[in-house]
C-alpha atoms as a PDB file:
ATOM      1  CA  MET A   1     103.492  87.551 121.303  1.00  0.00           C
ATOM      2  CA  ARG A   2     105.261  88.532 118.047  1.00  0.00           C
ATOM      3  CA  PRO A   3     107.668  91.464 118.234  1.00  0.00           C
ATOM      4  CA  THR A   4     106.537  94.635 116.636  1.00  0.00           C
ATOM      5  CA  PRO A   5     108.275  95.059 113.251  1.00  0.00           C
ATOM      6  CA  PRO A   6     110.561  98.116 112.854  1.00  0.00           C
ATOM      7  CA  ALA A   7     108.999 101.332 111.470  1.00  0.00           C
ATOM      8  CA  PHE A   8     110.928 103.498 109.046  1.00  0.00           C
ATOM      9  CA  PRO A   9     110.481 107.247 108.330  1.00  0.00           C
ATOM     10  CA  LEU A  10     108.325 108.150 105.323  1.00  0.00           C
ATOM     11  CA  ARG A  11     110.250 108.661 102.167  1.00  0.00           C
ATOM     12  CA  ARG A  12     109.243 109.169  98.562  1.00  0.00           C
ATOM     13  CA  SER A  13     110.181 106.860  95.820  1.00  0.00           C
ATOM     14  CA  ALA A  14     111.903 108.327  92.727  1.00  0.00           C
ATOM     15  CA  PRO A  15     109.461 108.285  89.745  1.00  0.00           C
ATOM     16  CA  ARG A  16     110.597 106.282  86.686  1.00  0.00           C
ATOM     17  CA  PRO A  17     109.019 105.921  83.257  1.00  0.00           C
ATOM     18  CA  TRP A  18     107.562 102.413  82.626  1.00  0.00           C
ATOM     19  CA  ARG A  19     109.708  99.846  80.803  1.00  0.00           C
ATOM     20  CA  ALA A  20     109.495  96.069  80.478  1.00  0.00           C
ATOM     21  CA  LEU A  21     110.967  93.983  83.140  1.00  0.00           C
ATOM     22  CA  THR A  22     114.440  92.678  82.683  1.00  0.00           C
ATOM     23  CA  ASP A  23     115.255  88.971  83.251  1.00  0.00           C
ATOM     24  CA  ILE A  24     116.823  89.688  86.515  1.00  0.00           C
ATOM     25  CA  GLU A  25     114.032  91.640  87.774  1.00  0.00           C
ATOM     26  CA  TRP A  26     111.521  89.094  86.717  1.00  0.00           C
ATOM     27  CA  ALA A  27     113.405  86.364  88.446  1.00  0.00           C
ATOM     28  CA  ALA A  28     113.441  88.268  91.611  1.00  0.00           C
ATOM     29  CA  LEU A  29     109.680  89.223  91.160  1.00  0.00           C
ATOM     30  CA  SER A  30     108.649  85.679  90.319  1.00  0.00           C
ATOM     31  CA  ALA A  31     110.350  84.231  93.410  1.00  0.00           C
ATOM     32  CA  ILE A  32     107.816  86.209  95.395  1.00  0.00           C
ATOM     33  CA  LEU A  33     104.682  85.107  93.449  1.00  0.00           C
ATOM     34  CA  HIS A  34     103.110  81.877  94.385  1.00  0.00           C
ATOM     35  CA  ARG A  35     103.938  79.166  91.876  1.00  0.00           C
ATOM     36  CA  SER A  36     100.999  77.024  91.162  1.00  0.00           C
ATOM     37  CA  THR A  37     100.399  74.319  88.481  1.00  0.00           C
ATOM     38  CA  ARG A  38      97.190  75.904  87.706  1.00  0.00           C
ATOM     39  CA  GLY A  39      96.713  79.170  85.774  1.00  0.00           C
ATOM     40  CA  ARG A  40      98.976  80.914  83.278  1.00  0.00           C
ATOM     41  CA  PRO A  41     102.509  79.772  82.596  1.00  0.00           C
ATOM     42  CA  PRO A  42     105.267  81.960  83.898  1.00  0.00           C
ATOM     43  CA  THR A  43     106.193  83.504  80.518  1.00  0.00           C
ATOM     44  CA  ILE A  44     102.702  84.899  80.245  1.00  0.00           C
ATOM     45  CA  ALA A  45     102.693  86.064  83.882  1.00  0.00           C
ATOM     46  CA  ARG A  46     105.730  88.151  83.104  1.00  0.00           C
ATOM     47  CA  TYR A  47     103.857  90.009  80.384  1.00  0.00           C
ATOM     48  CA  THR A  48     100.845  90.349  82.772  1.00  0.00           C
ATOM     49  CA  TRP A  49     103.195  92.056  85.316  1.00  0.00           C
ATOM     50  CA  ASP A  50     104.465  94.317  82.583  1.00  0.00           C
ATOM     51  CA  ALA A  51     100.854  95.308  81.825  1.00  0.00           C
ATOM     52  CA  ILE A  52     100.192  95.860  85.534  1.00  0.00           C
ATOM     53  CA  PHE A  53     103.296  98.049  86.003  1.00  0.00           C
ATOM     54  CA  TRP A  54     102.256 100.079  82.864  1.00  0.00           C
ATOM     55  CA  VAL A  55      98.917 100.950  84.245  1.00  0.00           C
ATOM     56  CA  ALA A  56     100.365 101.525  87.717  1.00  0.00           C
ATOM     57  CA  CYS A  57     102.981 103.992  86.459  1.00  0.00           C
ATOM     58  CA  SER A  58     100.462 105.871  84.358  1.00  0.00           C
ATOM     59  CA  THR A  59      97.401 107.990  85.547  1.00  0.00           C
ATOM     60  CA  ARG A  60      95.208 106.433  82.940  1.00  0.00           C
ATOM     61  CA  PRO A  61      92.411 103.920  83.442  1.00  0.00           C
ATOM     62  CA  TRP A  62      92.793 100.126  82.941  1.00  0.00           C
ATOM     63  CA  ARG A  63      91.044 100.325  79.549  1.00  0.00           C
ATOM     64  CA  ALA A  64      93.859 102.520  78.242  1.00  0.00           C
ATOM     65  CA  LEU A  65      96.319  99.506  78.376  1.00  0.00           C
ATOM     66  CA  PRO A  66      97.990  99.124  74.928  1.00  0.00           C
ATOM     67  CA  GLU A  67      96.869  96.127  72.988  1.00  0.00           C
ATOM     68  CA  HIS A  68     100.420  94.662  72.808  1.00  0.00           C
ATOM     69  CA  LEU A  69     100.440  94.323  76.578  1.00  0.00           C
ATOM     70  CA  GLY A  70      97.368  92.111  76.706  1.00  0.00           C
ATOM     71  CA  LYS A  71      93.885  92.479  78.132  1.00  0.00           C
ATOM     72  CA  ALA A  72      93.278  94.977  80.773  1.00  0.00           C
ATOM     73  CA  ASP A  73      90.780  92.579  82.600  1.00  0.00           C
ATOM     74  CA  SER A  74      93.332  89.894  82.900  1.00  0.00           C
ATOM     75  CA  ALA A  75      95.968  92.333  84.326  1.00  0.00           C
ATOM     76  CA  HIS A  76      93.484  93.870  86.744  1.00  0.00           C
ATOM     77  CA  ARG A  77      92.486  90.456  87.874  1.00  0.00           C
ATOM     78  CA  ALA A  78      96.033  89.362  88.394  1.00  0.00           C
ATOM     79  CA  LEU A  79      96.698  92.621  90.453  1.00  0.00           C
ATOM     80  CA  ARG A  80      93.608  91.897  92.671  1.00  0.00           C
ATOM     81  CA  ARG A  81      94.725  88.371  93.257  1.00  0.00           C
ATOM     82  CA  ALA A  82      98.291  89.459  94.078  1.00  0.00           C
ATOM     83  CA  ALA A  83      96.934  91.934  96.593  1.00  0.00           C
ATOM     84  CA  ALA A  84      94.512  89.503  98.241  1.00  0.00           C
ATOM     85  CA  GLN A  85      97.238  86.842  98.558  1.00  0.00           C
ATOM     86  CA  LYS A  86      99.667  89.350 100.063  1.00  0.00           C
ATOM     87  CA  HIS A  87     102.121  89.137  97.179  1.00  0.00           C
ATOM     88  CA  LEU A  88     102.077  92.933  96.819  1.00  0.00           C
ATOM     89  CA  HIS A  89     102.834  93.248 100.526  1.00  0.00           C
ATOM     90  CA  ARG A  90     105.970  91.001 100.095  1.00  0.00           C
ATOM     91  CA  MET A  91     107.065  93.133  97.123  1.00  0.00           C
ATOM     92  CA  LEU A  92     106.684  96.220  99.162  1.00  0.00           C
ATOM     93  CA  LEU A  93     108.660  94.768 101.941  1.00  0.00           C
ATOM     94  CA  ARG A  94     111.444  93.907  99.541  1.00  0.00           C
ATOM     95  CA  VAL A  95     111.795  97.575  98.272  1.00  0.00           C
ATOM     96  CA  SER A  96     111.529  99.102 101.681  1.00  0.00           C
ATOM     97  CA  ASP A  97     114.575 100.192 103.811  1.00  0.00           C
ATOM     98  CA  HIS A  98     114.373  96.920 105.779  1.00  0.00           C
ATOM     99  CA  PRO A  99     118.037  95.903 106.377  1.00  0.00           C
ATOM    100  CA  GLU A 100     117.385  92.270 105.343  1.00  0.00           C
ATOM    101  CA  PHE A 101     116.598  93.370 101.854  1.00  0.00           C
ATOM    102  CA  ALA A 102     119.058  96.325 101.439  1.00  0.00           C
ATOM    103  CA  GLN A 103     121.998  94.495  99.713  1.00  0.00           C
ATOM    104  CA  ASN A 104     121.966  93.210  96.119  1.00  0.00           C
ATOM    105  CA  ASN A 105     118.202  93.719  95.652  1.00  0.00           C
ATOM    106  CA  PRO A 106     117.201  93.727  91.886  1.00  0.00           C
ATOM    107  CA  LEU A 107     113.671  94.934  92.808  1.00  0.00           C
ATOM    108  CA  ARG A 108     115.052  98.238  93.867  1.00  0.00           C
ATOM    109  CA  ALA A 109     115.284  99.159  90.267  1.00  0.00           C
ATOM    110  CA  ILE A 110     111.543  98.726  89.937  1.00  0.00           C
ATOM    111  CA  GLU A 111     110.528 100.279  93.307  1.00  0.00           C
ATOM    112  CA  TRP A 112     108.451 102.884  91.644  1.00  0.00           C
ATOM    113  CA  PHE A 113     106.477 100.239  89.698  1.00  0.00           C
ATOM    114  CA  ILE A 114     105.830  98.331  92.856  1.00  0.00           C
ATOM    115  CA  VAL A 115     104.792 101.094  95.114  1.00  0.00           C
ATOM    116  CA  ARG A 116     102.428 102.326  92.352  1.00  0.00           C
ATOM    117  CA  ALA A 117     100.854  98.899  91.779  1.00  0.00           C
ATOM    118  CA  TYR A 118     100.363  98.720  95.612  1.00  0.00           C
ATOM    119  CA  ARG A 119      98.775 102.054  95.657  1.00  0.00           C
ATOM    120  CA  ARG A 120      96.298 100.859  92.769  1.00  0.00           C
ATOM    121  CA  ALA A 121      95.151  97.911  94.944  1.00  0.00           C
ATOM    122  CA  PHE A 122      95.243  99.387  98.462  1.00  0.00           C
ATOM    123  CA  ARG A 123      91.520  99.064  99.009  1.00  0.00           C
ATOM    124  CA  ILE A 124      91.603  95.219  98.751  1.00  0.00           C
ATOM    125  CA  THR A 125      93.330  94.485 101.989  1.00  0.00           C
ATOM    126  CA  SER A 126      92.592  96.164 105.346  1.00  0.00           C
ATOM    127  CA  ILE A 127      96.249  96.395 106.343  1.00  0.00           C
ATOM    128  CA  ALA A 128      97.368  98.133 103.218  1.00  0.00           C
ATOM    129  CA  ILE A 129      97.663 101.657 104.602  1.00  0.00           C
ATOM    130  CA  PRO A 130      99.316 100.907 107.983  1.00  0.00           C
ATOM    131  CA  PHE A 131     101.663  98.429 106.265  1.00  0.00           C
ATOM    132  CA  ALA A 132     102.824 101.015 103.743  1.00  0.00           C
ATOM    133  CA  ARG A 133     103.167 103.600 106.321  1.00  0.00           C
ATOM    134  CA  ARG A 134     105.210 101.403 108.663  1.00  0.00           C
ATOM    135  CA  LEU A 135     107.643 100.556 105.820  1.00  0.00           C
ATOM    136  CA  GLY A 136     107.950 104.264 105.217  1.00  0.00           C
ATOM    137  CA  LEU A 137     106.961 104.148 101.503  1.00  0.00           C
ATOM    138  CA  ALA A 138     104.899 107.493 101.006  1.00  0.00           C
ATOM    139  CA  CYS A 139     104.230 106.800  97.367  1.00  0.00           C
ATOM    140  CA  ALA A 140     102.418 103.504  98.132  1.00  0.00           C
ATOM    141  CA  LEU A 141      99.969 105.643 100.273  1.00  0.00           C
ATOM    142  CA  PRO A 142      96.653 106.863  98.705  1.00  0.00           C
ATOM    143  CA  ALA A 143      97.242 110.346  99.975  1.00  0.00           C
ATOM    144  CA  ASP A 144      99.584 112.541 102.003  1.00  0.00           C
ATOM    145  CA  ALA A 145      99.918 111.080 105.581  1.00  0.00           C
ATOM    146  CA  VAL A 146      97.883 113.916 107.115  1.00  0.00           C
ATOM    147  CA  TRP A 147      94.718 112.670 105.191  1.00  0.00           C
ATOM    148  CA  LEU A 148      95.117 109.066 106.268  1.00  0.00           C
ATOM    149  CA  PRO A 149      93.849 107.414 109.540  1.00  0.00           C
ATOM    150  CA  ASP A 150      96.052 107.670 112.620  1.00  0.00           C
ATOM    151  CA  ALA A 151      95.981 104.449 114.521  1.00  0.00           C
ATOM    152  CA  ASN A 152      97.415 105.992 117.644  1.00  0.00           C
ATOM    153  CA  LEU A 153      94.821 108.854 117.659  1.00  0.00           C
ATOM    154  CA  SER A 154      92.079 106.288 116.910  1.00  0.00           C
ATOM    155  CA  GLU A 155      92.960 104.477 120.142  1.00  0.00           C
ATOM    156  CA  THR A 156      93.042 107.768 122.001  1.00  0.00           C
ATOM    157  CA  VAL A 157      89.573 108.728 120.640  1.00  0.00           C
ATOM    158  CA  LYS A 158      88.177 105.406 121.609  1.00  0.00           C
ATOM    159  CA  ALA A 159      89.268 105.838 125.192  1.00  0.00           C
ATOM    160  CA  ILE A 160      87.898 109.298 125.378  1.00  0.00           C
ATOM    161  CA  ALA A 161      84.611 108.221 123.803  1.00  0.00           C
ATOM    162  CA  ALA A 162      84.238 105.449 126.342  1.00  0.00           C
ATOM    163  CA  ARG A 163      84.858 107.994 129.102  1.00  0.00           C
ATOM    164  CA  ALA A 164      82.415 110.450 127.565  1.00  0.00           C
ATOM    165  CA  GLN A 165      79.811 107.705 127.445  1.00  0.00           C
ATOM    166  CA  ALA A 166      80.125 107.088 131.213  1.00  0.00           C
ATOM    167  CA  LEU A 167      79.674 110.899 131.720  1.00  0.00           C
ATOM    168  CA  ALA A 168      76.843 111.289 129.245  1.00  0.00           C
ATOM    169  CA  GLY A 169      74.788 113.964 130.702  1.00  0.00           C
ATOM    170  CA  THR A 170      77.519 116.114 132.098  1.00  0.00           C
ATOM    171  CA  LEU A 171      79.564 116.964 128.957  1.00  0.00           C
ATOM    172  CA  SER A 172      79.386 120.411 127.359  1.00  0.00           C
ATOM    173  CA  LEU A 173      78.325 120.888 123.734  1.00  0.00           C
ATOM    174  CA  GLY A 174      81.764 122.310 122.936  1.00  0.00           C
ATOM    175  CA  LEU A 175      83.466 119.213 124.348  1.00  0.00           C
ATOM    176  CA  LEU A 176      81.288 116.929 122.331  1.00  0.00           C
ATOM    177  CA  ARG A 177      82.091 118.929 119.190  1.00  0.00           C
ATOM    178  CA  ALA A 178      85.852 118.595 119.863  1.00  0.00           C
ATOM    179  CA  LEU A 179      85.464 114.825 120.391  1.00  0.00           C
ATOM    180  CA  LEU A 180      83.586 114.649 117.053  1.00  0.00           C
ATOM    181  CA  ASP A 181      86.483 116.710 115.304  1.00  0.00           C
ATOM    182  CA  LEU A 182      89.066 114.411 116.917  1.00  0.00           C
ATOM    183  CA  SER A 183      87.263 111.332 115.718  1.00  0.00           C
ATOM    184  CA  ASP A 184      87.117 112.693 112.275  1.00  0.00           C
ATOM    185  CA  ARG A 185      90.929 113.298 112.247  1.00  0.00           C
ATOM    186  CA  ALA A 186      91.488 109.762 113.549  1.00  0.00           C
ATOM    187  CA  ALA A 187      89.478 108.257 110.770  1.00  0.00           C
ATOM    188  CA  GLY A 188      91.367 110.233 108.094  1.00  0.00           C
ATOM    189  CA  GLN A 189      89.894 111.737 105.036  1.00  0.00           C
ATOM    190  CA  PRO A 190      88.900 108.910 102.488  1.00  0.00           C
ATOM    191  CA  ARG A 191      87.397 111.396 100.027  1.00  0.00           C
ATOM    192  CA  ARG A 192      91.021 112.702  99.413  1.00  0.00           C
ATOM    193  CA  TRP A 193      92.408 109.238  98.680  1.00  0.00           C
ATOM    194  CA  ARG A 194      93.490 108.519  95.174  1.00  0.00           C
ATOM    195  CA  THR A 195      94.914 105.411  93.423  1.00  0.00           C
ATOM    196  CA  THR A 196      96.549 107.596  90.869  1.00  0.00           C
ATOM    197  CA  ASP A 197      98.059 111.162  90.802  1.00  0.00           C
END
């Protein structure tokens, strides 16, 4: 059994205006990305990530991407691929408070870009919300923590629901309503989730 990774208290990342990646930042970022002989060469990938971060740092839709940053469809596809292949998770881990990445980390300068890109793509993987919450990166979450699912509460509700099912005919209407409210809180409030602010 693998040990449980450490959890960090929630903290907000400092907002920063978009700018193109520096050579040092790109070198650190490209080390995380899977290098394949297929697909775009690295120089183009760098500009694709500039485009992804431009959209992530704005509240505008993908179609608002300036022409000089390339095609929005290509950038959006690259972000989806990075999320599906867990590259975004590795980026998020690098900018978290994890002690292994605390020293001399050039990605800290673009933490805001990474958490915003992660937030744009959170629906692609099932572990996105618990992973960002465990790392303590509040800006990577699609809403304030009170509107998100509570894993511990979900387990409690499951146990109570199983017990309630065993006692099916003996539960009062008030208790059943309370269980329903608790179950709603455990699931979070997806209608309040946003990929942009």
